Amino acid sequence: MEKANKDNSALRFLIVLILATLALALASGFKAYEETPDALIENNAKPVTVFAAAGTTVAIQRIAEAFENQTGRKVVTNFASSSTLAKQIAAGADFDVYISANSKWMDFVSEKNLISPETRTNLLNERLVLIAPKDAATQVEESLSIKDLLEQTEGQVSIGDPTHVPVGMYTKEALEAMGCWDAVSERMIPAVSVRAAQLNVETGQCPLGIVYRAGAFQSTKVKILATFDESLHSPIEFSVASAANSQHGKAFLEFLKTPASDTIFTIAGFATCLPQAAVTVSPADASPASAYRINEWRAFVISLKVAAACTLVVAAPGIGLGYLLARKSFPGRALVNSIVCVPMVIPPVVTGYLALVMLGRNSALGSWLHDTWGISVAFSWIGAVLVSAVMGFPLLVRSVKTAVEMIDQRYTHAANTLGAGSVRTFFTITLPLAGPGILAGLILAFARSLGEFGATATFAGNIPGKTQTLSLAIYNFTQIPGAEGAAMRLVGISILLSFGAMLGSELLSHRMKSLLGATA
């Protein structure tokens, strides 16, 4: 009896905690906690949306802050590899400025008439450098040539993925020109962005890495061993352009020509190739208050909002489908069960990409939703809810199915014999007995949504204050030198939330077994 009371107390506490979390998330999300684009438009302050290559993260965030101080207009940033950003733009992402680390990806969006050709120009010059951990236990022989360093230093070499990441493309060109690509290519570790490539060296995972000079210059954890000769590869020029017919984008481009921006680029280790505009700015604009502006609390709230909405969206259909799969036989039952479970086994980025193809603004359905109803699903928090629901739905269905299958059908048969219909039997017999299993499934769906990354990054984007969840914020912090502390804080929060979810699921499963044992 005492043990049962303890279980009941733990269960009640867990249910109250879940309800409180849902209430907080929904209240925070649906209040005016964050300025929505519509609200900003009404205030004549539509934000400038900047899609920028990951290598420019620190500099562009500082320039965005200076631009806000100068003009009072908010800047929304989205950082990723140039290829990822170009694909998002092609899928209909709303942007004002695109900064690419490779001219080929700028050509890609230009061919689709998504930028204003007259605004396209080269923004920054860069150099490739060979780096090593600053405090590595095993020191490399710095007097050797780049070719000898790569061939004679043991261990793997971190580079950008040469199939689509610009720094990786330039690296492959340079090493092929030096005649050592074939010799060292098997030791290469391709990364999803230049910052990810540098992080492998900063953490000591790789003894060598090839990255941009500016990123290495900003880091206190790596040292530059050598700089590649520019004649070994195509010119490394970051190009910039504004979206077609975007006056806000053109205003931000003009600000990139100011002395304030030039100072920030120089401090970050870049060499600018834009002529400076004759614009007067105050010294404060050239000295931003921080190296980054990602709001940890806001990412936490957005995660709760997305997870709570996802849980509410999947609840009714998940419970209904789980019950049908457990109790009813119908043609195609095995096929339906397989389709439901597919998101559990395919890479999340596949789910995100398919959603982008089907619901992006340039798709048939996405275009109809936008033109007819003014709804843009991709690159919004609603899009994050949608892909999170797809990923969390199978967990709920399987939990409900298992819970219903564990209920002895004699109870439902007895209820039917006494005259209760199927609906009444479901709500008075099946649902109460399967309740703990259903709650466990809802918790798992909630937790899966909190941890979603690949599908959200691809379909909803990594936009601070709008779609940047905990997982995306952690990723973004790892792209910023000196932001490791913030990343670890969010990692700790994520671990606690995940542990709490799993503990709650186990308690509810135990509770269900106890209930069924007591009624047996």
Protein backbone atom coordinates (compact mmCIF):
# COMPACT_ATOMS: atom_id res chain seq x y z
CA MET A 1 0.00 0.00 0.00
CA GLU A 2 2.78 2.42 0.93
CA LYS A 3 4.59 1.66 -2.33
CA ALA A 4 1.40 2.26 -4.31
CA ASN A 5 0.93 5.62 -2.58
CA LYS A 6 4.48 6.60 -3.49
CA ASP A 7 3.84 5.62 -7.10
CA ASN A 8 0.63 7.66 -7.13
CA SER A 9 2.43 10.69 -5.66
CA ALA A 10 5.21 10.45 -8.22
CA LEU A 11 2.67 10.09 -11.02
CA ARG A 12 0.62 13.07 -9.84
CA PHE A 13 3.76 15.19 -9.53
CA LEU A 14 4.84 14.21 -13.04
CA ILE A 15 1.45 15.01 -14.54
CA VAL A 16 1.40 18.42 -12.83
CA LEU A 17 4.94 19.10 -14.10
CA ILE A 18 3.97 18.17 -17.66
CA LEU A 19 0.87 20.38 -17.57
CA ALA A 20 2.86 23.28 -16.09
CA THR A 21 5.50 22.92 -18.79
CA LEU A 22 2.88 22.88 -21.53
CA ALA A 23 1.18 25.94 -20.05
CA LEU A 24 4.48 27.83 -19.80
CA ALA A 25 5.47 26.92 -23.33
CA LEU A 26 2.15 27.88 -24.87
CA ALA A 27 1.85 31.07 -22.83
CA SER A 28 5.37 32.10 -23.77
CA GLY A 29 4.85 31.21 -27.39
CA PHE A 30 1.47 32.76 -28.08
CA LYS A 31 2.05 35.94 -26.13
CA ALA A 32 4.05 38.72 -27.68
CA TYR A 33 7.28 37.33 -26.27
CA GLU A 34 8.91 37.56 -29.64
CA GLU A 35 8.10 40.07 -32.32
CA THR A 36 6.51 38.31 -35.23
CA PRO A 37 7.14 39.50 -38.77
CA ASP A 38 3.54 40.72 -39.06
CA ALA A 39 3.86 42.80 -35.92
CA LEU A 40 7.10 44.25 -37.17
CA ILE A 41 5.54 45.13 -40.49
CA GLU A 42 2.72 46.93 -38.70
CA ASN A 43 5.32 48.95 -36.81
CA ASN A 44 7.03 49.78 -40.13
CA ALA A 45 10.09 47.88 -38.94
CA LYS A 46 10.20 44.70 -41.00
CA PRO A 47 13.41 42.90 -40.05
CA VAL A 48 16.28 42.47 -42.46
CA THR A 49 16.86 38.74 -42.93
CA VAL A 50 20.49 37.88 -43.67
CA PHE A 51 21.51 34.42 -44.86
CA ALA A 52 25.28 34.24 -44.38
CA ALA A 53 27.99 31.62 -44.77
CA ALA A 54 29.02 30.04 -41.46
CA GLY A 55 32.55 31.44 -41.72
CA THR A 56 31.22 35.01 -41.32
CA THR A 57 29.19 34.31 -38.16
CA VAL A 58 31.07 36.50 -35.69
CA ALA A 59 31.62 39.43 -38.05
CA ILE A 60 28.07 39.52 -39.45
CA GLN A 61 26.50 39.29 -35.99
CA ARG A 62 28.58 42.26 -34.89
CA ILE A 63 27.70 44.20 -38.02
CA ALA A 64 24.02 43.34 -37.52
CA GLU A 65 24.21 44.79 -34.02
CA ALA A 66 25.87 47.95 -35.33
CA PHE A 67 23.22 48.23 -38.07
CA GLU A 68 20.44 47.97 -35.50
CA ASN A 69 22.08 50.67 -33.38
CA GLN A 70 22.44 52.93 -36.41
CA THR A 71 19.05 52.42 -38.07
CA GLY A 72 16.77 50.98 -35.38
CA ARG A 73 15.82 48.16 -37.75
CA LYS A 74 16.04 44.59 -36.50
CA VAL A 75 18.29 42.06 -38.26
CA VAL A 76 17.47 38.35 -38.34
CA THR A 77 20.41 36.08 -39.20
CA ASN A 78 20.62 32.52 -40.50
CA PHE A 79 24.09 30.93 -40.62
CA ALA A 80 24.94 27.66 -42.38
CA SER A 81 27.12 26.42 -45.21
CA SER A 82 26.67 28.36 -48.45
CA SER A 83 25.16 25.30 -50.12
CA THR A 84 22.54 24.78 -47.42
CA LEU A 85 21.53 28.45 -47.55
CA ALA A 86 21.32 28.43 -51.34
CA LYS A 87 19.04 25.37 -51.27
CA GLN A 88 16.82 27.03 -48.65
CA ILE A 89 16.59 30.19 -50.73
CA ALA A 90 15.73 28.16 -53.83
CA ALA A 91 12.98 26.45 -51.83
CA GLY A 92 11.37 29.80 -51.08
CA ALA A 93 12.98 30.99 -47.86
CA ASP A 94 12.26 34.64 -47.11
CA PHE A 95 15.58 36.52 -47.17
CA ASP A 96 16.91 39.99 -47.88
CA VAL A 97 20.67 39.42 -48.13
CA TYR A 98 22.69 36.34 -49.10
CA ILE A 99 26.41 36.09 -48.36
CA SER A 100 28.09 33.13 -50.03
CA ALA A 101 31.62 31.80 -49.58
CA ASN A 102 31.62 30.46 -53.12
CA SER A 103 30.60 32.11 -56.38
CA LYS A 104 29.07 28.87 -57.69
CA TRP A 105 26.31 28.95 -55.07
CA MET A 106 25.69 32.63 -55.77
CA ASP A 107 25.40 31.68 -59.45
CA PHE A 108 22.91 28.99 -58.41
CA VAL A 109 20.47 31.47 -56.81
CA SER A 110 21.13 34.05 -59.53
CA GLU A 111 20.10 31.61 -62.27
CA LYS A 112 16.77 31.21 -60.48
CA ASN A 113 16.26 35.02 -60.52
CA LEU A 114 16.17 35.17 -56.71
CA ILE A 115 18.67 38.03 -56.29
CA SER A 116 19.04 41.48 -57.79
CA PRO A 117 21.94 41.08 -60.27
CA GLU A 118 22.98 44.72 -59.95
CA THR A 119 23.58 44.31 -56.20
CA ARG A 120 25.88 41.30 -56.53
CA THR A 121 29.46 42.12 -55.63
CA ASN A 122 32.50 40.65 -53.96
CA LEU A 123 32.53 41.36 -50.25
CA LEU A 124 35.59 39.72 -48.68
CA ASN A 125 38.86 38.10 -49.66
CA GLU A 126 40.06 35.03 -47.77
CA ARG A 127 43.07 32.72 -47.56
CA LEU A 128 43.40 29.03 -46.79
CA VAL A 129 45.54 28.14 -43.80
CA LEU A 130 46.82 24.94 -42.24
CA ILE A 131 46.12 24.82 -38.50
CA ALA A 132 46.93 22.63 -35.50
CA PRO A 133 45.75 22.61 -31.86
CA LYS A 134 47.53 25.32 -29.93
CA ASP A 135 48.26 23.14 -26.91
CA ALA A 136 48.51 19.76 -28.60
CA ALA A 137 50.29 17.02 -26.66
CA THR A 138 52.06 15.95 -29.85
CA GLN A 139 53.70 18.90 -31.54
CA VAL A 140 54.03 19.03 -35.32
CA GLU A 141 57.20 20.09 -37.05
CA GLU A 142 56.29 23.61 -38.11
CA SER A 143 59.37 24.11 -40.29
CA LEU A 144 58.13 21.60 -42.87
CA SER A 145 56.29 22.58 -46.03
CA ILE A 146 52.51 22.21 -46.18
CA LYS A 147 52.85 19.10 -48.33
CA ASP A 148 55.34 17.50 -45.95
CA LEU A 149 53.23 18.43 -42.91
CA LEU A 150 50.18 16.77 -44.42
CA GLU A 151 52.04 13.67 -45.52
CA GLN A 152 54.27 13.18 -42.47
CA THR A 153 51.98 14.16 -39.57
CA GLU A 154 50.09 11.17 -38.25
CA GLY A 155 46.35 11.35 -37.75
CA GLN A 156 43.38 12.71 -39.65
CA VAL A 157 43.00 16.07 -41.36
CA SER A 158 39.83 18.10 -40.85
CA ILE A 159 38.49 19.90 -43.94
CA GLY A 160 35.18 21.14 -45.27
CA ASP A 161 33.25 18.60 -47.30
CA PRO A 162 34.71 19.07 -50.82
CA THR A 163 31.45 17.99 -52.47
CA HIS A 164 29.56 21.12 -51.44
CA VAL A 165 31.29 23.18 -48.70
CA PRO A 166 33.32 26.01 -50.31
CA VAL A 167 36.37 25.72 -48.03
CA GLY A 168 36.51 22.02 -48.90
CA MET A 169 36.31 22.78 -52.62
CA TYR A 170 39.20 25.23 -52.38
CA THR A 171 41.17 22.74 -50.26
CA LYS A 172 40.81 19.99 -52.84
CA GLU A 173 41.92 22.36 -55.61
CA ALA A 174 45.02 23.40 -53.65
CA LEU A 175 46.05 19.88 -52.66
CA GLU A 176 45.55 18.59 -56.20
CA ALA A 177 47.74 21.42 -57.48
CA MET A 178 50.37 20.43 -54.89
CA GLY A 179 50.15 16.80 -55.97
CA CYS A 180 49.23 15.38 -52.55
CA TRP A 181 45.44 15.00 -52.65
CA ASP A 182 45.53 11.31 -53.53
CA ALA A 183 48.10 10.62 -50.81
CA VAL A 184 46.14 12.23 -47.97
CA SER A 185 42.49 12.08 -49.12
CA GLU A 186 41.83 8.85 -47.20
CA ARG A 187 42.77 10.63 -43.97
CA MET A 188 40.48 13.58 -44.61
CA ILE A 189 37.52 14.16 -42.28
CA PRO A 190 34.90 16.17 -44.24
CA ALA A 191 32.84 18.58 -42.12
CA VAL A 192 29.50 20.26 -42.84
CA SER A 193 30.94 23.78 -42.56
CA VAL A 194 34.25 25.57 -42.13
CA ARG A 195 33.51 26.16 -38.46
CA ALA A 196 32.80 22.47 -37.92
CA ALA A 197 36.14 21.66 -39.59
CA GLN A 198 37.94 24.04 -37.25
CA LEU A 199 36.12 22.68 -34.22
CA ASN A 200 37.59 19.24 -34.89
CA VAL A 201 41.04 20.75 -34.47
CA GLU A 202 40.13 22.95 -31.49
CA THR A 203 38.89 19.92 -29.57
CA GLY A 204 41.98 17.87 -30.46
CA GLN A 205 40.09 15.35 -32.58
CA CYS A 206 42.36 16.06 -35.54
CA PRO A 207 46.03 17.14 -35.39
CA LEU A 208 45.67 19.20 -38.56
CA GLY A 209 42.94 21.14 -40.33
CA ILE A 210 42.53 23.38 -43.36
CA VAL A 211 40.25 26.36 -42.83
CA TYR A 212 39.91 30.07 -43.58
CA ARG A 213 42.41 32.47 -42.05
CA ALA A 214 39.77 34.66 -40.38
CA GLY A 215 38.26 31.78 -38.41
CA ALA A 216 41.68 30.60 -37.24
CA PHE A 217 42.63 34.17 -36.39
CA GLN A 218 39.62 34.51 -34.07
CA SER A 219 40.32 31.28 -32.19
CA THR A 220 42.52 31.02 -29.10
CA LYS A 221 42.69 27.22 -29.40
CA VAL A 222 44.49 26.78 -32.71
CA LYS A 223 47.66 28.05 -34.29
CA ILE A 224 48.32 28.77 -37.95
CA LEU A 225 51.16 26.61 -39.28
CA ALA A 226 51.18 27.90 -42.84
CA THR A 227 49.20 29.91 -45.38
CA PHE A 228 48.44 28.43 -48.80
CA ASP A 229 49.66 30.23 -51.90
CA GLU A 230 46.66 31.86 -53.58
CA SER A 231 47.77 30.59 -56.99
CA LEU A 232 46.98 27.00 -55.90
CA HIS A 233 43.21 27.49 -55.99
CA SER A 234 40.45 29.68 -57.32
CA PRO A 235 40.19 33.12 -55.72
CA ILE A 236 38.43 32.86 -52.36
CA GLU A 237 35.92 35.66 -52.45
CA PHE A 238 32.80 35.94 -50.33
CA SER A 239 30.12 37.46 -52.56
CA VAL A 240 26.98 39.24 -51.44
CA ALA A 241 23.68 40.21 -53.05
CA SER A 242 20.25 41.34 -51.98
CA ALA A 243 17.02 39.55 -52.74
CA ALA A 244 15.13 40.66 -55.80
CA ASN A 245 13.20 43.88 -55.06
CA SER A 246 14.36 44.00 -51.41
CA GLN A 247 14.94 47.58 -50.30
CA HIS A 248 15.84 46.38 -46.82
CA GLY A 249 18.53 44.16 -48.29
CA LYS A 250 19.99 47.03 -50.30
CA ALA A 251 20.13 49.17 -47.16
CA PHE A 252 22.08 46.46 -45.34
CA LEU A 253 24.43 46.12 -48.32
CA GLU A 254 25.16 49.82 -48.15
CA PHE A 255 25.93 49.46 -44.46
CA LEU A 256 28.47 46.76 -45.30
CA LYS A 257 30.46 49.50 -47.10
CA THR A 258 30.71 51.76 -44.06
CA PRO A 259 33.86 52.28 -41.94
CA ALA A 260 32.06 50.54 -39.06
CA SER A 261 31.65 47.35 -41.05
CA ASP A 262 35.16 47.56 -42.44
CA THR A 263 36.56 47.83 -38.91
CA ILE A 264 34.57 44.81 -37.75
CA PHE A 265 35.68 42.73 -40.73
CA THR A 266 39.30 43.72 -40.12
CA ILE A 267 39.14 42.83 -36.42
CA ALA A 268 37.66 39.46 -37.42
CA GLY A 269 40.63 38.79 -39.71
CA PHE A 270 38.99 39.47 -43.10
CA ALA A 271 40.17 41.67 -45.94
CA THR A 272 37.32 43.65 -47.48
CA CYS A 273 37.06 44.37 -51.19
CA LEU A 274 34.09 46.76 -51.11
CA PRO A 275 34.68 50.51 -51.54
CA GLN A 276 33.65 52.34 -48.41
CA ALA A 277 30.59 54.55 -48.66
CA ALA A 278 30.78 58.06 -47.32
CA VAL A 279 28.63 57.34 -44.27
CA THR A 280 29.34 58.75 -40.85
CA VAL A 281 28.98 56.38 -37.94
CA SER A 282 29.77 56.74 -34.28
CA PRO A 283 32.64 54.82 -32.63
CA ALA A 284 30.08 52.88 -30.60
CA ASP A 285 28.72 51.36 -33.80
CA ALA A 286 32.15 49.96 -34.63
CA SER A 287 32.50 48.33 -31.22
CA PRO A 288 29.60 45.95 -30.68
CA ALA A 289 28.85 44.90 -27.15
CA SER A 290 29.26 41.18 -27.75
CA ALA A 291 30.60 38.64 -30.21
CA TYR A 292 27.23 37.01 -30.61
CA ARG A 293 23.58 37.75 -29.95
CA ILE A 294 22.01 34.34 -29.57
CA ASN A 295 19.54 34.41 -26.71
CA GLU A 296 19.71 31.21 -24.68
CA TRP A 297 16.42 31.81 -22.92
CA ARG A 298 14.62 32.51 -26.16
CA ALA A 299 15.93 29.27 -27.71
CA PHE A 300 14.69 27.41 -24.62
CA VAL A 301 11.23 29.00 -24.86
CA ILE A 302 10.97 28.31 -28.60
CA SER A 303 11.90 24.67 -27.93
CA LEU A 304 9.16 24.37 -25.32
CA LYS A 305 6.66 26.07 -27.58
CA VAL A 306 7.47 23.80 -30.52
CA ALA A 307 7.49 20.66 -28.36
CA ALA A 308 4.22 21.58 -26.65
CA ALA A 309 2.47 22.36 -29.94
CA CYS A 310 3.86 19.16 -31.46
CA THR A 311 2.47 17.12 -28.54
CA LEU A 312 -0.96 18.69 -28.91
CA VAL A 313 -0.97 18.14 -32.69
CA VAL A 314 -0.10 14.44 -32.52
CA ALA A 315 -2.21 13.56 -29.44
CA ALA A 316 -5.61 12.81 -30.98
CA PRO A 317 -4.47 11.19 -34.27
CA GLY A 318 -1.72 9.26 -32.47
CA ILE A 319 -4.10 7.81 -29.87
CA GLY A 320 -6.70 6.98 -32.51
CA LEU A 321 -4.25 5.29 -34.89
CA GLY A 322 -2.55 3.41 -32.06
CA TYR A 323 -5.92 2.03 -30.97
CA LEU A 324 -6.86 1.01 -34.51
CA LEU A 325 -3.55 -0.79 -35.06
CA ALA A 326 -3.94 -2.62 -31.74
CA ARG A 327 -7.59 -3.66 -31.99
CA LYS A 328 -8.75 -3.59 -35.60
CA SER A 329 -7.89 -5.69 -38.60
CA PHE A 330 -8.21 -3.97 -41.98
CA PRO A 331 -6.64 -4.23 -45.45
CA GLY A 332 -3.21 -2.59 -45.55
CA ARG A 333 -2.78 -2.64 -41.76
CA ALA A 334 0.84 -3.79 -42.02
CA LEU A 335 1.56 -1.12 -44.64
CA VAL A 336 0.07 1.64 -42.47
CA ASN A 337 2.10 0.45 -39.49
CA SER A 338 5.28 0.48 -41.60
CA ILE A 339 4.62 3.97 -42.99
CA VAL A 340 4.02 5.32 -39.49
CA CYS A 341 7.34 3.91 -38.29
CA VAL A 342 9.44 5.07 -41.27
CA PRO A 343 10.46 8.42 -39.66
CA MET A 344 12.05 6.45 -36.82
CA VAL A 345 14.59 4.81 -39.13
CA ILE A 346 15.31 7.28 -41.94
CA PRO A 347 17.75 10.19 -41.34
CA PRO A 348 15.87 13.25 -40.01
CA VAL A 349 17.44 15.42 -42.70
CA VAL A 350 15.57 13.32 -45.29
CA THR A 351 12.29 14.19 -43.58
CA GLY A 352 13.25 17.86 -43.60
CA TYR A 353 14.28 17.81 -47.24
CA LEU A 354 11.08 16.07 -48.36
CA ALA A 355 9.05 18.63 -46.40
CA LEU A 356 11.03 21.40 -48.10
CA VAL A 357 10.37 19.95 -51.55
CA MET A 358 6.64 19.50 -50.87
CA LEU A 359 5.89 22.60 -48.78
CA GLY A 360 8.57 25.12 -49.71
CA ARG A 361 7.17 28.35 -51.09
CA ASN A 362 8.30 27.46 -54.62
CA SER A 363 6.55 24.08 -54.54
CA ALA A 364 3.04 23.67 -55.93
CA LEU A 365 1.41 23.15 -52.52
CA GLY A 366 3.58 25.71 -50.73
CA SER A 367 2.90 28.31 -53.41
CA TRP A 368 -0.86 27.69 -53.19
CA LEU A 369 -0.85 28.01 -49.39
CA HIS A 370 1.08 31.26 -49.58
CA ASP A 371 -0.83 32.86 -52.44
CA THR A 372 -4.31 31.74 -51.33
CA TRP A 373 -4.11 31.83 -47.56
CA GLY A 374 -0.94 33.81 -46.86
CA ILE A 375 0.54 30.81 -45.04
CA SER A 376 4.28 30.10 -45.23
CA VAL A 377 5.06 26.83 -43.50
CA ALA A 378 8.76 26.52 -44.29
CA PHE A 379 11.20 28.63 -42.25
CA SER A 380 8.66 29.34 -39.53
CA TRP A 381 8.04 27.91 -36.07
CA ILE A 382 4.97 26.20 -37.54
CA GLY A 383 7.33 24.38 -39.88
CA ALA A 384 9.41 23.33 -36.88
CA VAL A 385 6.23 21.97 -35.26
CA LEU A 386 5.30 20.08 -38.42
CA VAL A 387 8.60 18.21 -38.85
CA SER A 388 8.84 17.59 -35.10
CA ALA A 389 5.36 16.10 -35.19
CA VAL A 390 6.36 13.79 -38.03
CA MET A 391 9.38 12.60 -36.01
CA GLY A 392 7.48 12.24 -32.71
CA PHE A 393 4.27 10.70 -34.07
CA PRO A 394 5.63 7.11 -34.37
CA LEU A 395 6.73 7.09 -30.71
CA LEU A 396 3.24 8.00 -29.56
CA VAL A 397 1.52 5.50 -31.87
CA ARG A 398 3.77 2.63 -30.80
CA SER A 399 3.29 3.45 -27.09
CA VAL A 400 -0.49 3.60 -27.47
CA LYS A 401 -0.55 0.41 -29.53
CA THR A 402 1.50 -1.47 -26.91
CA ALA A 403 -0.62 -0.09 -24.04
CA VAL A 404 -3.91 -1.11 -25.68
CA GLU A 405 -2.60 -4.57 -26.60
CA MET A 406 -1.75 -5.19 -22.93
CA ILE A 407 -5.36 -4.69 -21.85
CA ASP A 408 -7.29 -7.92 -21.42
CA GLN A 409 -10.12 -7.88 -23.97
CA ARG A 410 -12.42 -9.60 -21.51
CA TYR A 411 -13.12 -6.21 -19.96
CA THR A 412 -14.24 -4.69 -23.26
CA HIS A 413 -16.25 -7.78 -24.16
CA ALA A 414 -18.00 -7.62 -20.78
CA ALA A 415 -18.83 -3.95 -21.32
CA ASN A 416 -20.24 -4.73 -24.78
CA THR A 417 -22.30 -7.58 -23.32
CA LEU A 418 -23.81 -5.15 -20.80
CA GLY A 419 -24.89 -2.88 -23.63
CA ALA A 420 -22.03 -0.36 -23.87
CA GLY A 421 -21.20 0.73 -27.41
CA SER A 422 -17.73 0.86 -28.90
CA VAL A 423 -17.27 4.59 -28.23
CA ARG A 424 -18.43 4.33 -24.60
CA THR A 425 -16.26 1.25 -24.05
CA PHE A 426 -13.26 3.09 -25.45
CA PHE A 427 -13.66 6.10 -23.14
CA THR A 428 -14.70 4.22 -19.99
CA ILE A 429 -12.59 1.06 -20.22
CA THR A 430 -9.77 1.23 -22.77
CA LEU A 431 -8.68 4.83 -22.32
CA PRO A 432 -8.39 4.75 -18.49
CA LEU A 433 -6.50 1.44 -18.49
CA ALA A 434 -4.19 2.57 -21.31
CA GLY A 435 -3.80 6.04 -19.76
CA PRO A 436 -0.28 5.61 -18.33
CA GLY A 437 0.95 4.17 -21.65
CA ILE A 438 -0.64 7.05 -23.54
CA LEU A 439 0.98 9.60 -21.24
CA ALA A 440 4.31 7.84 -21.67
CA GLY A 441 3.93 8.13 -25.45
CA LEU A 442 3.06 11.82 -25.21
CA ILE A 443 6.16 12.41 -23.07
CA LEU A 444 8.34 10.58 -25.59
CA ALA A 445 6.88 12.64 -28.46
CA PHE A 446 7.50 15.82 -26.44
CA ALA A 447 11.10 14.79 -25.73
CA ARG A 448 11.73 13.78 -29.35
CA SER A 449 10.57 17.20 -30.44
CA LEU A 450 12.91 18.91 -27.98
CA GLY A 451 15.85 16.98 -29.42
CA GLU A 452 15.01 17.33 -33.10
CA PHE A 453 17.81 18.83 -35.21
CA GLY A 454 18.25 17.58 -38.77
CA ALA A 455 14.69 17.95 -40.03
CA THR A 456 14.22 21.30 -38.27
CA ALA A 457 17.48 22.76 -39.58
CA THR A 458 16.61 21.77 -43.15
CA PHE A 459 12.93 22.75 -43.22
CA ALA A 460 12.56 25.51 -40.61
CA GLY A 461 16.08 26.97 -40.71
CA ASN A 462 18.31 28.15 -37.90
CA ILE A 463 16.85 31.61 -37.30
CA PRO A 464 17.44 33.09 -33.80
CA GLY A 465 14.24 34.17 -32.09
CA LYS A 466 12.08 32.46 -34.68
CA THR A 467 12.99 28.82 -35.36
CA GLN A 468 16.20 28.34 -33.38
CA THR A 469 15.48 25.58 -30.85
CA LEU A 470 17.83 24.23 -28.18
CA SER A 471 19.51 21.81 -30.58
CA LEU A 472 20.04 24.48 -33.20
CA ALA A 473 21.26 27.00 -30.62
CA ILE A 474 23.83 24.49 -29.35
CA TYR A 475 25.00 23.94 -32.91
CA ASN A 476 25.19 27.69 -33.50
CA PHE A 477 27.21 28.24 -30.33
CA THR A 478 29.73 25.65 -31.50
CA GLN A 479 30.21 27.79 -34.62
CA ILE A 480 31.28 30.80 -32.54
CA PRO A 481 34.76 30.95 -30.99
CA GLY A 482 34.53 31.55 -27.24
CA ALA A 483 30.88 30.48 -26.95
CA GLU A 484 31.62 27.03 -25.53
CA GLY A 485 30.25 27.99 -22.11
CA ALA A 486 26.86 28.89 -23.53
CA ALA A 487 26.83 25.66 -25.54
CA MET A 488 27.56 23.61 -22.42
CA ARG A 489 24.78 25.33 -20.47
CA LEU A 490 22.27 24.38 -23.13
CA VAL A 491 23.72 20.88 -23.33
CA GLY A 492 23.12 20.53 -19.59
CA ILE A 493 19.53 21.74 -19.95
CA SER A 494 18.92 19.31 -22.82
CA ILE A 495 20.31 16.38 -20.82
CA LEU A 496 18.12 17.22 -17.83
CA LEU A 497 15.01 17.49 -20.00
CA SER A 498 15.79 14.22 -21.77
CA PHE A 499 16.49 12.42 -18.50
CA GLY A 500 13.28 13.75 -16.99
CA ALA A 501 11.30 12.59 -20.01
CA MET A 502 12.75 9.08 -19.91
CA LEU A 503 12.23 8.87 -16.14
CA GLY A 504 8.62 9.96 -16.56
CA SER A 505 8.08 7.40 -19.28
CA GLU A 506 9.46 4.62 -17.05
CA LEU A 507 7.32 5.69 -14.08
CA LEU A 508 4.20 5.69 -16.22
CA SER A 509 5.02 2.29 -17.72
CA HIS A 510 5.52 0.90 -14.22
CA ARG A 511 2.24 2.48 -13.16
CA MET A 512 0.43 0.83 -16.07
CA LYS A 513 1.79 -2.60 -15.16
CA SER A 514 0.66 -2.07 -11.56
CA LEU A 515 -2.85 -1.10 -12.67
CA LEU A 516 -3.16 -4.11 -14.94
CA GLY A 517 -1.81 -6.38 -12.22
CA ALA A 518 -4.33 -5.03 -9.72
CA THR A 519 -7.25 -5.62 -12.11
CA ALA A 520 -6.14 -9.11 -13.13
